[in-house]
Amino acid sequence: MLAHLILGLLRNGDARHGYDLGSAYNARSGRHLSSGNIYRELARLDGEGLVRKAVRPPDADPRRVPYEITDRGREEFDRWLAAPASAAYEFEIWLLFLDRLKPELRVRLVARHQEQLRYKAKWLVEAREEAAGDQPTGTYNALCVSLSLQLKRFVADIEFIEDLTADPEKGLGTTCRVPPVTMSKGVREARPLISKHAH
């Protein structure tokens, strides 16, 4: 995941240091990633020939080493971007770079991912029913609980993609039209209790 994120952030050819990459990730995702993790991954990618150290500007902070993507790194990123993401966390990173694909390819790949999610959700439903059938009365069934959690996440991802692709005439992801998230009553009521006991 981190490898393709970094390659994607370097893909336009500009050299960047770890802190700058972290800021760019935050700007695209609203999430934080430590510079230490980024520099460790940059060192690994450098060893594999996917990135290389770039020339540091004379007035730059000597602690911040800039990196740039190599031709091999561009090929690896482009190959990954044109393939459907297999895992949920990978799909989340993949969505950050969806604007780099032609609109028709975006739609096709997102639809393929949605189909994979539906297939996995169907499998989870069947596996959960089997696990529930084997459960003795009055006992905790860890497998059933785990499968239920996984299924809930798959269903949420499927619904998210349905919202994302709901208006094909406007284009996939061209507007932020995904409905706002609503919290259940239990979550809303728990928030003051959490802050109250945190002090």
N, C-alpha and C. Protein backbone atom coordinates (compact mmCIF):
# COMPACT_ATOMS: atom_id res chain seq x y z
N MET A 1 0.82 -1.20 0.00
CA MET A 1 0.00 0.00 0.00
C MET A 1 0.86 1.26 0.00
N LEU A 2 1.79 1.35 0.95
CA LEU A 2 2.61 2.55 1.09
C LEU A 2 3.48 2.77 -0.14
N ALA A 3 3.97 1.68 -0.73
CA ALA A 3 4.83 1.80 -1.91
C ALA A 3 4.10 2.50 -3.04
N HIS A 4 2.88 2.06 -3.35
CA HIS A 4 2.14 2.65 -4.47
C HIS A 4 1.67 4.07 -4.14
N LEU A 5 1.40 4.32 -2.87
CA LEU A 5 1.05 5.68 -2.47
C LEU A 5 2.21 6.62 -2.77
N ILE A 6 3.40 6.25 -2.35
CA ILE A 6 4.58 7.11 -2.57
C ILE A 6 4.88 7.25 -4.05
N LEU A 7 4.82 6.15 -4.78
CA LEU A 7 5.07 6.22 -6.23
C LEU A 7 4.05 7.13 -6.91
N GLY A 8 2.80 7.05 -6.47
CA GLY A 8 1.77 7.91 -7.05
C GLY A 8 2.01 9.38 -6.76
N LEU A 9 2.47 9.67 -5.55
CA LEU A 9 2.73 11.07 -5.18
C LEU A 9 3.96 11.63 -5.90
N LEU A 10 4.87 10.74 -6.33
CA LEU A 10 6.06 11.16 -7.07
C LEU A 10 5.88 11.06 -8.58
N ARG A 11 4.77 10.51 -9.02
CA ARG A 11 4.58 10.14 -10.43
C ARG A 11 4.71 11.31 -11.40
N ASN A 12 4.40 12.52 -10.98
CA ASN A 12 4.47 13.66 -11.91
C ASN A 12 5.91 14.11 -12.17
N GLY A 13 6.88 13.51 -11.47
CA GLY A 13 8.29 13.80 -11.74
C GLY A 13 8.95 14.77 -10.79
N ASP A 14 8.17 15.46 -9.94
CA ASP A 14 8.77 16.39 -8.98
C ASP A 14 9.44 15.63 -7.84
N ALA A 15 10.64 16.08 -7.47
CA ALA A 15 11.34 15.48 -6.33
C ALA A 15 10.71 15.98 -5.03
N ARG A 16 10.54 15.06 -4.07
CA ARG A 16 9.92 15.42 -2.79
C ARG A 16 10.61 14.67 -1.65
N HIS A 17 10.64 15.31 -0.49
CA HIS A 17 11.17 14.64 0.71
C HIS A 17 10.00 14.06 1.50
N GLY A 18 10.32 13.31 2.53
CA GLY A 18 9.30 12.58 3.29
C GLY A 18 8.22 13.46 3.88
N TYR A 19 8.59 14.58 4.47
CA TYR A 19 7.58 15.46 5.07
C TYR A 19 6.64 16.00 4.01
N ASP A 20 7.19 16.38 2.87
CA ASP A 20 6.38 16.90 1.77
C ASP A 20 5.42 15.82 1.25
N LEU A 21 5.88 14.59 1.17
CA LEU A 21 5.02 13.48 0.73
C LEU A 21 3.88 13.26 1.73
N GLY A 22 4.21 13.36 3.02
CA GLY A 22 3.18 13.22 4.05
C GLY A 22 2.13 14.32 3.95
N SER A 23 2.58 15.54 3.67
CA SER A 23 1.64 16.66 3.52
C SER A 23 0.76 16.48 2.29
N ALA A 24 1.35 15.98 1.21
CA ALA A 24 0.59 15.74 -0.02
C ALA A 24 -0.46 14.64 0.20
N TYR A 25 -0.08 13.61 0.95
CA TYR A 25 -1.03 12.54 1.26
C TYR A 25 -2.19 13.08 2.10
N ASN A 26 -1.86 13.90 3.09
CA ASN A 26 -2.90 14.50 3.93
C ASN A 26 -3.85 15.37 3.10
N ALA A 27 -3.29 16.13 2.16
CA ALA A 27 -4.11 17.01 1.32
C ALA A 27 -5.07 16.21 0.44
N ARG A 28 -4.65 15.02 0.00
CA ARG A 28 -5.50 14.20 -0.89
C ARG A 28 -6.46 13.30 -0.12
N SER A 29 -6.11 12.95 1.13
CA SER A 29 -6.90 11.93 1.84
C SER A 29 -7.50 12.39 3.16
N GLY A 30 -6.95 13.46 3.75
CA GLY A 30 -7.39 13.87 5.08
C GLY A 30 -6.81 13.00 6.18
N ARG A 31 -5.83 12.17 5.83
CA ARG A 31 -5.19 11.28 6.81
C ARG A 31 -3.74 11.68 7.05
N HIS A 32 -3.22 11.21 8.18
CA HIS A 32 -1.83 11.51 8.54
C HIS A 32 -0.97 10.27 8.39
N LEU A 33 0.25 10.47 7.93
CA LEU A 33 1.23 9.39 7.81
C LEU A 33 2.56 9.95 8.29
N SER A 34 3.22 9.24 9.19
CA SER A 34 4.46 9.78 9.77
C SER A 34 5.59 9.82 8.74
N SER A 35 6.42 10.85 8.84
CA SER A 35 7.57 10.99 7.94
C SER A 35 8.52 9.82 8.09
N GLY A 36 8.63 9.28 9.32
CA GLY A 36 9.52 8.14 9.56
C GLY A 36 9.14 6.94 8.72
N ASN A 37 7.83 6.62 8.69
CA ASN A 37 7.35 5.50 7.87
C ASN A 37 7.60 5.76 6.39
N ILE A 38 7.41 7.00 5.99
CA ILE A 38 7.62 7.35 4.58
C ILE A 38 9.09 7.19 4.21
N TYR A 39 9.99 7.68 5.07
CA TYR A 39 11.42 7.58 4.75
C TYR A 39 11.90 6.12 4.74
N ARG A 40 11.35 5.30 5.63
CA ARG A 40 11.71 3.87 5.61
C ARG A 40 11.28 3.24 4.29
N GLU A 41 10.09 3.59 3.84
CA GLU A 41 9.60 3.03 2.57
C GLU A 41 10.38 3.60 1.39
N LEU A 42 10.75 4.87 1.46
CA LEU A 42 11.57 5.46 0.40
C LEU A 42 12.91 4.73 0.28
N ALA A 43 13.52 4.41 1.42
CA ALA A 43 14.79 3.69 1.41
C ALA A 43 14.62 2.31 0.76
N ARG A 44 13.51 1.65 1.06
CA ARG A 44 13.25 0.33 0.48
C ARG A 44 13.03 0.45 -1.03
N LEU A 45 12.24 1.45 -1.44
CA LEU A 45 11.97 1.65 -2.86
C LEU A 45 13.25 2.04 -3.61
N ASP A 46 14.12 2.79 -2.94
CA ASP A 46 15.41 3.16 -3.52
C ASP A 46 16.24 1.90 -3.77
N GLY A 47 16.23 0.99 -2.80
CA GLY A 47 16.96 -0.27 -2.95
C GLY A 47 16.44 -1.13 -4.09
N GLU A 48 15.17 -0.98 -4.41
CA GLU A 48 14.56 -1.76 -5.50
C GLU A 48 14.63 -1.03 -6.84
N GLY A 49 15.19 0.19 -6.83
CA GLY A 49 15.34 0.93 -8.08
C GLY A 49 14.08 1.61 -8.56
N LEU A 50 13.09 1.78 -7.67
CA LEU A 50 11.83 2.42 -8.06
C LEU A 50 11.86 3.93 -7.83
N VAL A 51 12.68 4.37 -6.89
CA VAL A 51 12.94 5.80 -6.67
C VAL A 51 14.44 5.97 -6.49
N ARG A 52 14.89 7.22 -6.53
CA ARG A 52 16.31 7.51 -6.27
C ARG A 52 16.41 8.87 -5.59
N LYS A 53 17.50 9.07 -4.89
CA LYS A 53 17.74 10.36 -4.25
C LYS A 53 17.95 11.41 -5.33
N ALA A 54 17.35 12.56 -5.10
CA ALA A 54 17.46 13.66 -6.06
C ALA A 54 18.44 14.70 -5.54
N VAL A 55 18.81 15.62 -6.38
CA VAL A 55 19.71 16.71 -5.98
C VAL A 55 18.97 17.63 -5.03
N ARG A 56 19.57 17.89 -3.87
CA ARG A 56 18.96 18.76 -2.88
C ARG A 56 19.26 20.22 -3.23
N PRO A 57 18.26 21.09 -3.25
CA PRO A 57 18.52 22.52 -3.51
C PRO A 57 19.48 23.08 -2.47
N PRO A 58 20.31 24.04 -2.85
CA PRO A 58 21.33 24.58 -1.94
C PRO A 58 20.78 25.12 -0.62
N ASP A 59 19.58 25.70 -0.65
CA ASP A 59 19.02 26.32 0.55
C ASP A 59 18.10 25.37 1.33
N ALA A 60 18.06 24.09 0.94
CA ALA A 60 17.14 23.13 1.57
C ALA A 60 17.69 22.63 2.90
N ASP A 61 16.78 22.20 3.76
CA ASP A 61 17.13 21.60 5.05
C ASP A 61 17.92 20.32 4.78
N PRO A 62 19.15 20.21 5.30
CA PRO A 62 19.99 19.02 5.01
C PRO A 62 19.41 17.72 5.57
N ARG A 63 18.47 17.83 6.53
CA ARG A 63 17.86 16.62 7.10
C ARG A 63 16.79 16.04 6.19
N ARG A 64 16.33 16.83 5.24
CA ARG A 64 15.24 16.38 4.36
C ARG A 64 15.81 15.99 3.00
N VAL A 65 15.87 14.70 2.77
CA VAL A 65 16.43 14.17 1.53
C VAL A 65 15.33 14.04 0.48
N PRO A 66 15.44 14.72 -0.65
CA PRO A 66 14.40 14.58 -1.67
C PRO A 66 14.62 13.32 -2.51
N TYR A 67 13.50 12.75 -2.96
CA TYR A 67 13.54 11.57 -3.83
C TYR A 67 12.72 11.85 -5.08
N GLU A 68 13.07 11.15 -6.14
CA GLU A 68 12.31 11.23 -7.38
C GLU A 68 12.05 9.82 -7.89
N ILE A 69 11.01 9.67 -8.69
CA ILE A 69 10.64 8.37 -9.22
C ILE A 69 11.53 8.03 -10.42
N THR A 70 11.83 6.76 -10.60
CA THR A 70 12.60 6.29 -11.76
C THR A 70 11.64 5.81 -12.84
N ASP A 71 12.18 5.52 -14.02
CA ASP A 71 11.33 4.97 -15.09
C ASP A 71 10.69 3.66 -14.63
N ARG A 72 11.47 2.84 -13.93
CA ARG A 72 10.94 1.57 -13.43
C ARG A 72 9.81 1.82 -12.42
N GLY A 73 9.97 2.85 -11.60
CA GLY A 73 8.93 3.20 -10.64
C GLY A 73 7.66 3.66 -11.32
N ARG A 74 7.81 4.44 -12.41
CA ARG A 74 6.64 4.87 -13.18
C ARG A 74 5.91 3.68 -13.78
N GLU A 75 6.65 2.75 -14.32
CA GLU A 75 6.04 1.55 -14.92
C GLU A 75 5.28 0.75 -13.86
N GLU A 76 5.89 0.60 -12.69
CA GLU A 76 5.25 -0.16 -11.61
C GLU A 76 3.97 0.52 -11.16
N PHE A 77 4.01 1.84 -10.99
CA PHE A 77 2.81 2.56 -10.56
C PHE A 77 1.72 2.48 -11.61
N ASP A 78 2.06 2.69 -12.88
CA ASP A 78 1.08 2.67 -13.95
C ASP A 78 0.43 1.29 -14.08
N ARG A 79 1.23 0.23 -13.90
CA ARG A 79 0.71 -1.14 -13.95
C ARG A 79 -0.29 -1.35 -12.83
N TRP A 80 0.07 -0.91 -11.61
CA TRP A 80 -0.81 -1.05 -10.45
C TRP A 80 -2.10 -0.25 -10.63
N LEU A 81 -1.99 0.96 -11.13
CA LEU A 81 -3.15 1.82 -11.28
C LEU A 81 -4.15 1.26 -12.30
N ALA A 82 -3.63 0.58 -13.31
CA ALA A 82 -4.50 0.03 -14.36
C ALA A 82 -5.08 -1.33 -13.99
N ALA A 83 -4.73 -1.86 -12.81
CA ALA A 83 -5.24 -3.15 -12.36
C ALA A 83 -6.24 -2.90 -11.23
N PRO A 84 -7.28 -3.74 -11.15
CA PRO A 84 -8.24 -3.55 -10.05
C PRO A 84 -7.59 -3.82 -8.70
N ALA A 85 -7.85 -2.95 -7.75
CA ALA A 85 -7.32 -3.14 -6.40
C ALA A 85 -8.01 -4.34 -5.75
N SER A 86 -7.24 -5.16 -5.05
CA SER A 86 -7.81 -6.39 -4.50
C SER A 86 -8.25 -6.23 -3.05
N ALA A 87 -7.51 -5.49 -2.25
CA ALA A 87 -7.83 -5.35 -0.83
C ALA A 87 -8.47 -3.98 -0.57
N ALA A 88 -9.26 -3.91 0.49
CA ALA A 88 -9.98 -2.67 0.80
C ALA A 88 -9.02 -1.50 1.01
N TYR A 89 -7.94 -1.69 1.79
CA TYR A 89 -7.01 -0.59 2.04
C TYR A 89 -6.31 -0.16 0.76
N GLU A 90 -6.06 -1.13 -0.13
CA GLU A 90 -5.42 -0.80 -1.39
C GLU A 90 -6.38 -0.01 -2.29
N PHE A 91 -7.64 -0.36 -2.25
CA PHE A 91 -8.64 0.35 -3.04
C PHE A 91 -8.75 1.80 -2.58
N GLU A 92 -8.65 2.01 -1.28
CA GLU A 92 -8.71 3.37 -0.73
C GLU A 92 -7.56 4.23 -1.27
N ILE A 93 -6.36 3.66 -1.33
CA ILE A 93 -5.21 4.38 -1.90
C ILE A 93 -5.42 4.58 -3.39
N TRP A 94 -5.92 3.53 -4.06
CA TRP A 94 -6.15 3.59 -5.51
C TRP A 94 -7.10 4.73 -5.86
N LEU A 95 -8.12 4.95 -5.03
CA LEU A 95 -9.08 6.02 -5.29
C LEU A 95 -8.43 7.40 -5.29
N LEU A 96 -7.33 7.56 -4.56
CA LEU A 96 -6.64 8.85 -4.50
C LEU A 96 -6.07 9.27 -5.85
N PHE A 97 -5.84 8.27 -6.72
CA PHE A 97 -5.20 8.56 -8.01
C PHE A 97 -6.12 8.26 -9.19
N LEU A 98 -7.39 8.15 -8.92
CA LEU A 98 -8.37 7.82 -9.96
C LEU A 98 -8.39 8.86 -11.07
N ASP A 99 -8.05 10.09 -10.73
CA ASP A 99 -8.06 11.16 -11.73
C ASP A 99 -6.97 11.00 -12.78
N ARG A 100 -6.04 10.08 -12.56
CA ARG A 100 -4.97 9.86 -13.54
C ARG A 100 -5.40 8.92 -14.67
N LEU A 101 -6.58 8.32 -14.53
CA LEU A 101 -7.08 7.38 -15.53
C LEU A 101 -8.10 8.04 -16.44
N LYS A 102 -8.23 7.54 -17.65
CA LYS A 102 -9.28 8.02 -18.55
C LYS A 102 -10.63 7.65 -17.96
N PRO A 103 -11.64 8.51 -18.12
CA PRO A 103 -12.95 8.28 -17.49
C PRO A 103 -13.55 6.90 -17.75
N GLU A 104 -13.46 6.41 -19.00
CA GLU A 104 -14.07 5.11 -19.29
C GLU A 104 -13.35 3.98 -18.56
N LEU A 105 -12.03 4.10 -18.40
CA LEU A 105 -11.27 3.08 -17.67
C LEU A 105 -11.59 3.15 -16.18
N ARG A 106 -11.75 4.36 -15.65
CA ARG A 106 -12.15 4.52 -14.25
C ARG A 106 -13.42 3.74 -13.96
N VAL A 107 -14.42 3.99 -14.79
CA VAL A 107 -15.73 3.36 -14.58
C VAL A 107 -15.61 1.85 -14.66
N ARG A 108 -14.87 1.34 -15.63
CA ARG A 108 -14.73 -0.11 -15.81
C ARG A 108 -14.03 -0.76 -14.62
N LEU A 109 -12.97 -0.13 -14.14
CA LEU A 109 -12.22 -0.71 -13.02
C LEU A 109 -12.99 -0.64 -11.71
N VAL A 110 -13.70 0.46 -11.48
CA VAL A 110 -14.51 0.57 -10.27
C VAL A 110 -15.64 -0.46 -10.29
N ALA A 111 -16.25 -0.65 -11.47
CA ALA A 111 -17.31 -1.65 -11.60
C ALA A 111 -16.77 -3.05 -11.34
N ARG A 112 -15.56 -3.33 -11.81
CA ARG A 112 -14.95 -4.64 -11.57
C ARG A 112 -14.68 -4.85 -10.08
N HIS A 113 -14.21 -3.80 -9.43
CA HIS A 113 -13.97 -3.91 -7.98
C HIS A 113 -15.28 -4.13 -7.24
N GLN A 114 -16.33 -3.44 -7.64
CA GLN A 114 -17.62 -3.61 -7.00
C GLN A 114 -18.13 -5.04 -7.17
N GLU A 115 -17.92 -5.61 -8.34
CA GLU A 115 -18.33 -7.00 -8.58
C GLU A 115 -17.55 -7.96 -7.68
N GLN A 116 -16.25 -7.70 -7.49
CA GLN A 116 -15.45 -8.53 -6.58
C GLN A 116 -15.98 -8.42 -5.15
N LEU A 117 -16.34 -7.22 -4.74
CA LEU A 117 -16.89 -7.03 -3.40
C LEU A 117 -18.19 -7.80 -3.22
N ARG A 118 -19.04 -7.77 -4.23
CA ARG A 118 -20.32 -8.50 -4.16
C ARG A 118 -20.09 -10.00 -4.05
N TYR A 119 -19.13 -10.49 -4.80
CA TYR A 119 -18.81 -11.92 -4.75
C TYR A 119 -18.32 -12.30 -3.36
N LYS A 120 -17.42 -11.49 -2.79
CA LYS A 120 -16.89 -11.77 -1.47
C LYS A 120 -17.97 -11.66 -0.40
N ALA A 121 -18.87 -10.66 -0.56
CA ALA A 121 -19.96 -10.50 0.40
C ALA A 121 -20.88 -11.72 0.38
N LYS A 122 -21.16 -12.24 -0.81
CA LYS A 122 -22.00 -13.44 -0.94
C LYS A 122 -21.35 -14.62 -0.23
N TRP A 123 -20.03 -14.76 -0.42
CA TRP A 123 -19.30 -15.84 0.24
C TRP A 123 -19.37 -15.69 1.76
N LEU A 124 -19.24 -14.44 2.25
CA LEU A 124 -19.30 -14.19 3.69
C LEU A 124 -20.67 -14.53 4.27
N VAL A 125 -21.73 -14.21 3.53
CA VAL A 125 -23.08 -14.55 3.99
C VAL A 125 -23.21 -16.06 4.16
N GLU A 126 -22.74 -16.81 3.17
CA GLU A 126 -22.83 -18.27 3.24
C GLU A 126 -21.97 -18.83 4.37
N ALA A 127 -20.76 -18.29 4.53
CA ALA A 127 -19.87 -18.75 5.59
C ALA A 127 -20.43 -18.43 6.96
N ARG A 128 -21.06 -17.27 7.09
CA ARG A 128 -21.65 -16.88 8.38
C ARG A 128 -22.84 -17.77 8.72
N GLU A 129 -23.67 -18.08 7.73
CA GLU A 129 -24.80 -18.98 7.97
C GLU A 129 -24.33 -20.36 8.42
N GLU A 130 -23.26 -20.83 7.80
CA GLU A 130 -22.69 -22.13 8.18
C GLU A 130 -22.13 -22.08 9.60
N ALA A 131 -21.43 -20.98 9.92
CA ALA A 131 -20.86 -20.84 11.27
C ALA A 131 -21.96 -20.75 12.32
N ALA A 132 -23.05 -20.02 12.01
CA ALA A 132 -24.16 -19.89 12.96
C ALA A 132 -24.86 -21.22 13.17
N GLY A 133 -24.92 -22.03 12.11
CA GLY A 133 -25.58 -23.33 12.22
C GLY A 133 -24.84 -24.29 13.12
N ASP A 134 -23.53 -24.12 13.24
CA ASP A 134 -22.71 -25.01 14.08
C ASP A 134 -22.63 -24.54 15.52
N GLN A 135 -23.26 -23.42 15.85
CA GLN A 135 -23.10 -22.82 17.17
C GLN A 135 -24.02 -23.47 18.20
N PRO A 136 -23.45 -24.00 19.28
CA PRO A 136 -24.29 -24.51 20.38
C PRO A 136 -25.05 -23.35 21.03
N THR A 137 -26.23 -23.60 21.50
CA THR A 137 -27.07 -22.57 22.11
C THR A 137 -26.37 -21.93 23.31
N GLY A 138 -26.41 -20.59 23.37
CA GLY A 138 -25.89 -19.87 24.52
C GLY A 138 -24.37 -19.72 24.57
N THR A 139 -23.68 -20.01 23.47
CA THR A 139 -22.22 -19.87 23.47
C THR A 139 -21.81 -18.73 22.52
N TYR A 140 -20.65 -18.16 22.82
CA TYR A 140 -20.11 -17.08 21.98
C TYR A 140 -19.44 -17.70 20.76
N ASN A 141 -19.79 -17.21 19.59
CA ASN A 141 -19.25 -17.75 18.34
C ASN A 141 -18.34 -16.69 17.71
N ALA A 142 -17.05 -16.80 17.99
CA ALA A 142 -16.09 -15.81 17.50
C ALA A 142 -16.07 -15.76 15.97
N LEU A 143 -16.17 -16.91 15.32
CA LEU A 143 -16.13 -16.94 13.86
C LEU A 143 -17.33 -16.19 13.28
N CYS A 144 -18.49 -16.41 13.85
CA CYS A 144 -19.70 -15.75 13.36
C CYS A 144 -19.60 -14.23 13.55
N VAL A 145 -19.08 -13.80 14.67
CA VAL A 145 -18.92 -12.37 14.94
C VAL A 145 -17.92 -11.75 13.95
N SER A 146 -16.80 -12.43 13.72
CA SER A 146 -15.78 -11.93 12.80
C SER A 146 -16.32 -11.84 11.38
N LEU A 147 -17.03 -12.86 10.95
CA LEU A 147 -17.61 -12.85 9.60
C LEU A 147 -18.66 -11.75 9.46
N SER A 148 -19.42 -11.51 10.52
CA SER A 148 -20.43 -10.45 10.50
C SER A 148 -19.78 -9.08 10.34
N LEU A 149 -18.67 -8.86 11.06
CA LEU A 149 -17.94 -7.59 10.95
C LEU A 149 -17.41 -7.40 9.54
N GLN A 150 -16.80 -8.45 8.99
CA GLN A 150 -16.27 -8.36 7.63
C GLN A 150 -17.39 -8.06 6.63
N LEU A 151 -18.51 -8.74 6.80
CA LEU A 151 -19.64 -8.54 5.89
C LEU A 151 -20.15 -7.11 5.95
N LYS A 152 -20.24 -6.57 7.15
CA LYS A 152 -20.72 -5.19 7.32
C LYS A 152 -19.80 -4.22 6.56
N ARG A 153 -18.50 -4.47 6.63
CA ARG A 153 -17.54 -3.60 5.93
C ARG A 153 -17.68 -3.73 4.41
N PHE A 154 -17.85 -4.96 3.93
CA PHE A 154 -18.03 -5.15 2.49
C PHE A 154 -19.29 -4.45 2.00
N VAL A 155 -20.38 -4.59 2.75
CA VAL A 155 -21.64 -3.95 2.36
C VAL A 155 -21.47 -2.43 2.32
N ALA A 156 -20.77 -1.87 3.31
CA ALA A 156 -20.53 -0.42 3.32
C ALA A 156 -19.72 0.01 2.10
N ASP A 157 -18.71 -0.78 1.72
CA ASP A 157 -17.91 -0.45 0.54
C ASP A 157 -18.74 -0.52 -0.74
N ILE A 158 -19.61 -1.53 -0.83
CA ILE A 158 -20.48 -1.67 -2.00
C ILE A 158 -21.41 -0.47 -2.10
N GLU A 159 -22.00 -0.06 -0.98
CA GLU A 159 -22.90 1.09 -0.97
C GLU A 159 -22.16 2.38 -1.32
N PHE A 160 -20.91 2.49 -0.84
CA PHE A 160 -20.10 3.68 -1.17
C PHE A 160 -19.89 3.78 -2.67
N ILE A 161 -19.56 2.66 -3.31
CA ILE A 161 -19.32 2.67 -4.75
C ILE A 161 -20.62 2.98 -5.50
N GLU A 162 -21.73 2.48 -5.00
CA GLU A 162 -23.02 2.81 -5.63
C GLU A 162 -23.27 4.31 -5.60
N ASP A 163 -22.95 4.95 -4.47
CA ASP A 163 -23.10 6.40 -4.36
C ASP A 163 -22.13 7.13 -5.29
N LEU A 164 -20.90 6.63 -5.34
CA LEU A 164 -19.86 7.26 -6.15
C LEU A 164 -20.19 7.22 -7.64
N THR A 165 -20.86 6.17 -8.06
CA THR A 165 -21.15 5.97 -9.49
C THR A 165 -22.61 6.25 -9.84
N ALA A 166 -23.35 6.88 -8.95
CA ALA A 166 -24.79 7.04 -9.13
C ALA A 166 -25.18 7.93 -10.30
N ASP A 167 -24.33 8.89 -10.67
CA ASP A 167 -24.69 9.82 -11.73
C ASP A 167 -23.63 9.76 -12.84
N PRO A 168 -23.71 8.74 -13.72
CA PRO A 168 -22.67 8.56 -14.74
C PRO A 168 -22.54 9.72 -15.71
N GLU A 169 -23.60 10.52 -15.90
CA GLU A 169 -23.52 11.65 -16.83
C GLU A 169 -22.57 12.73 -16.34
N LYS A 170 -22.47 12.88 -15.02
CA LYS A 170 -21.55 13.89 -14.46
C LYS A 170 -20.13 13.36 -14.38
N GLY A 171 -19.96 12.05 -14.44
CA GLY A 171 -18.63 11.47 -14.39
C GLY A 171 -18.31 10.93 -13.01
N LEU A 172 -17.58 9.85 -12.99
CA LEU A 172 -17.24 9.18 -11.74
C LEU A 172 -16.39 10.07 -10.85
N GLY A 173 -16.89 10.38 -9.67
CA GLY A 173 -16.11 11.12 -8.69
C GLY A 173 -15.87 12.58 -9.03
N THR A 174 -16.61 13.14 -9.98
CA THR A 174 -16.37 14.54 -10.35
C THR A 174 -17.00 15.51 -9.36
N THR A 175 -17.96 15.02 -8.59
CA THR A 175 -18.54 15.85 -7.54
C THR A 175 -18.52 15.07 -6.24
N CYS A 176 -18.49 15.78 -5.15
CA CYS A 176 -18.49 15.12 -3.85
C CYS A 176 -19.93 14.94 -3.40
N ARG A 177 -20.64 14.04 -4.09
CA ARG A 177 -22.07 13.88 -3.86
C ARG A 177 -22.39 12.72 -2.94
N VAL A 178 -21.37 12.11 -2.36
CA VAL A 178 -21.62 11.00 -1.44
C VAL A 178 -22.37 11.54 -0.23
N PRO A 179 -23.48 10.91 0.16
CA PRO A 179 -24.27 11.45 1.27
C PRO A 179 -23.48 11.50 2.57
N PRO A 180 -23.81 12.45 3.45
CA PRO A 180 -23.09 12.55 4.71
C PRO A 180 -23.30 11.32 5.58
N VAL A 181 -22.31 11.04 6.40
CA VAL A 181 -22.38 9.90 7.31
C VAL A 181 -23.22 10.29 8.51
N THR A 182 -24.15 9.43 8.88
CA THR A 182 -24.95 9.68 10.07
C THR A 182 -24.56 8.68 11.15
N MET A 183 -24.46 9.18 12.36
CA MET A 183 -24.10 8.31 13.48
C MET A 183 -25.36 7.77 14.14
N SER A 184 -25.26 6.53 14.58
CA SER A 184 -26.39 5.94 15.30
C SER A 184 -26.56 6.64 16.64
N LYS A 185 -27.74 6.50 17.24
CA LYS A 185 -28.03 7.13 18.52
C LYS A 185 -27.01 6.71 19.58
N GLY A 186 -26.66 5.42 19.57
CA GLY A 186 -25.68 4.92 20.56
C GLY A 186 -24.33 5.60 20.45
N VAL A 187 -23.88 5.83 19.21
CA VAL A 187 -22.59 6.50 19.01
C VAL A 187 -22.68 7.96 19.43
N ARG A 188 -23.77 8.64 19.06
CA ARG A 188 -23.94 10.05 19.44
C ARG A 188 -23.95 10.21 20.95
N GLU A 189 -24.63 9.31 21.67
CA GLU A 189 -24.73 9.42 23.12
C GLU A 189 -23.43 9.03 23.81
N ALA A 190 -22.60 8.23 23.16
CA ALA A 190 -21.35 7.79 23.77
C ALA A 190 -20.28 8.86 23.73
N ARG A 191 -20.37 9.77 22.78
CA ARG A 191 -19.31 10.77 22.62
C ARG A 191 -19.08 11.63 23.86
N PRO A 192 -20.13 12.19 24.50
CA PRO A 192 -19.87 12.99 25.70
C PRO A 192 -19.28 12.15 26.83
N LEU A 193 -19.69 10.89 26.91
CA LEU A 193 -19.16 10.03 27.97
C LEU A 193 -17.67 9.79 27.78
N ILE A 194 -17.24 9.62 26.53
CA ILE A 194 -15.83 9.39 26.24
C ILE A 194 -15.02 10.62 26.63
N SER A 195 -15.46 11.80 26.21
CA SER A 195 -14.71 13.02 26.55
C SER A 195 -14.74 13.31 28.03
N LYS A 196 -15.84 12.97 28.69
CA LYS A 196 -15.98 13.23 30.11
C LYS A 196 -14.98 12.40 30.92
N HIS A 197 -14.81 11.12 30.53
CA HIS A 197 -13.92 10.25 31.28
C HIS A 197 -12.47 10.33 30.82
N ALA A 198 -12.21 11.09 29.77
CA ALA A 198 -10.85 11.18 29.25
C ALA A 198 -9.98 12.09 30.10
N HIS A 199 -10.59 12.95 30.91
CA HIS A 199 -9.80 13.92 31.70
C HIS A 199 -9.46 13.37 33.07
